[in-house]
Amino acid sequence: MTDIPVRQPVPEYCVYCDRPVEPTSENLVMLGFSASGARPSLYAHPDCPAPRKIPQRTGR
């Protein structure tokens, strides 16, 4: 019998502090639409204050 690797879900990161966050409906924030017009799924910790400008994440 061979072991089949189980894929772990890709972690979500807080759009304000860039720490891992649970992708729940309570943590979902809508910050606009992507260039393609799709609604992005963005998550933030409830206790993270929203910055004036959202930092651009690089290479994840």
C-alpha atoms as a PDB file:
ATOM      1  CA  MET A   1       0.000   0.000   0.000  1.00  0.00           C
ATOM      2  CA  THR A   2       1.375   3.416  -0.928  1.00  0.00           C
ATOM      3  CA  ASP A   3       0.852   6.622   0.965  1.00  0.00           C
ATOM      4  CA  ILE A   4      -0.943   9.277  -1.048  1.00  0.00           C
ATOM      5  CA  PRO A   5       0.007  12.786   0.047  1.00  0.00           C
ATOM      6  CA  VAL A   6      -2.921  14.878   1.231  1.00  0.00           C
ATOM      7  CA  ARG A   7      -2.941  18.452  -0.041  1.00  0.00           C
ATOM      8  CA  GLN A   8      -3.363  21.029   2.672  1.00  0.00           C
ATOM      9  CA  PRO A   9      -5.506  24.067   1.839  1.00  0.00           C
ATOM     10  CA  VAL A  10      -3.592  27.196   0.889  1.00  0.00           C
ATOM     11  CA  PRO A  11      -3.472  29.492   3.932  1.00  0.00           C
ATOM     12  CA  GLU A  12      -5.112  32.887   3.770  1.00  0.00           C
ATOM     13  CA  TYR A  13      -3.273  35.959   5.023  1.00  0.00           C
ATOM     14  CA  CYS A  14      -4.687  39.070   6.636  1.00  0.00           C
ATOM     15  CA  VAL A  15      -4.722  41.958   4.148  1.00  0.00           C
ATOM     16  CA  TYR A  16      -3.772  44.383   6.923  1.00  0.00           C
ATOM     17  CA  CYS A  17      -1.037  42.613   8.938  1.00  0.00           C
ATOM     18  CA  ASP A  18      -0.035  39.731   6.599  1.00  0.00           C
ATOM     19  CA  ARG A  19      -0.377  37.100   9.360  1.00  0.00           C
ATOM     20  CA  PRO A  20      -2.312  33.870   8.700  1.00  0.00           C
ATOM     21  CA  VAL A  21      -6.072  34.232   9.211  1.00  0.00           C
ATOM     22  CA  GLU A  22      -9.013  31.799   9.184  1.00  0.00           C
ATOM     23  CA  PRO A  23     -11.046  32.169   5.984  1.00  0.00           C
ATOM     24  CA  THR A  24     -14.449  32.569   7.656  1.00  0.00           C
ATOM     25  CA  SER A  25     -17.388  34.783   6.760  1.00  0.00           C
ATOM     26  CA  GLU A  26     -16.654  36.916   9.865  1.00  0.00           C
ATOM     27  CA  ASN A  27     -13.149  37.641   8.556  1.00  0.00           C
ATOM     28  CA  LEU A  28     -14.157  38.357   4.948  1.00  0.00           C
ATOM     29  CA  VAL A  29     -13.598  41.931   3.797  1.00  0.00           C
ATOM     30  CA  MET A  30     -14.473  43.450   0.446  1.00  0.00           C
ATOM     31  CA  LEU A  31     -11.946  46.001  -0.694  1.00  0.00           C
ATOM     32  CA  GLY A  32     -13.062  46.357  -4.288  1.00  0.00           C
ATOM     33  CA  PHE A  33     -12.845  44.334  -7.430  1.00  0.00           C
ATOM     34  CA  SER A  34      -9.871  42.835  -9.227  1.00  0.00           C
ATOM     35  CA  ALA A  35      -8.859  43.956 -12.712  1.00  0.00           C
ATOM     36  CA  SER A  36     -10.675  40.973 -14.216  1.00  0.00           C
ATOM     37  CA  GLY A  37     -13.910  42.001 -12.501  1.00  0.00           C
ATOM     38  CA  ALA A  38     -13.967  38.947 -10.249  1.00  0.00           C
ATOM     39  CA  ARG A  39     -14.712  39.415  -6.569  1.00  0.00           C
ATOM     40  CA  PRO A  40     -11.525  38.588  -4.666  1.00  0.00           C
ATOM     41  CA  SER A  41     -11.696  36.707  -1.402  1.00  0.00           C
ATOM     42  CA  LEU A  42      -9.798  38.823   1.083  1.00  0.00           C
ATOM     43  CA  TYR A  43      -9.640  38.183   4.804  1.00  0.00           C
ATOM     44  CA  ALA A  44      -8.601  40.259   7.809  1.00  0.00           C
ATOM     45  CA  HIS A  45      -8.504  39.786  11.558  1.00  0.00           C
ATOM     46  CA  PRO A  46     -11.441  41.548  13.250  1.00  0.00           C
ATOM     47  CA  ASP A  47      -9.028  43.336  15.609  1.00  0.00           C
ATOM     48  CA  CYS A  48      -6.679  44.641  12.869  1.00  0.00           C
ATOM     49  CA  PRO A  49      -7.247  48.336  12.177  1.00  0.00           C
ATOM     50  CA  ALA A  50      -7.645  49.104   8.492  1.00  0.00           C
ATOM     51  CA  PRO A  51      -4.679  51.109   7.208  1.00  0.00           C
ATOM     52  CA  ARG A  52      -5.129  54.121   4.960  1.00  0.00           C
ATOM     53  CA  LYS A  53      -3.405  52.236   2.139  1.00  0.00           C
ATOM     54  CA  ILE A  54      -3.333  48.452   1.776  1.00  0.00           C
ATOM     55  CA  PRO A  55       0.248  47.152   1.541  1.00  0.00           C
ATOM     56  CA  GLN A  56       1.126  45.280  -1.645  1.00  0.00           C
ATOM     57  CA  ARG A  57       2.208  41.726  -0.874  1.00  0.00           C
ATOM     58  CA  THR A  58       5.008  40.317  -2.938  1.00  0.00           C
ATOM     59  CA  GLY A  59       5.561  36.752  -4.091  1.00  0.00           C
ATOM     60  CA  ARG A  60       3.575  34.272  -2.083  1.00  0.00           C
END
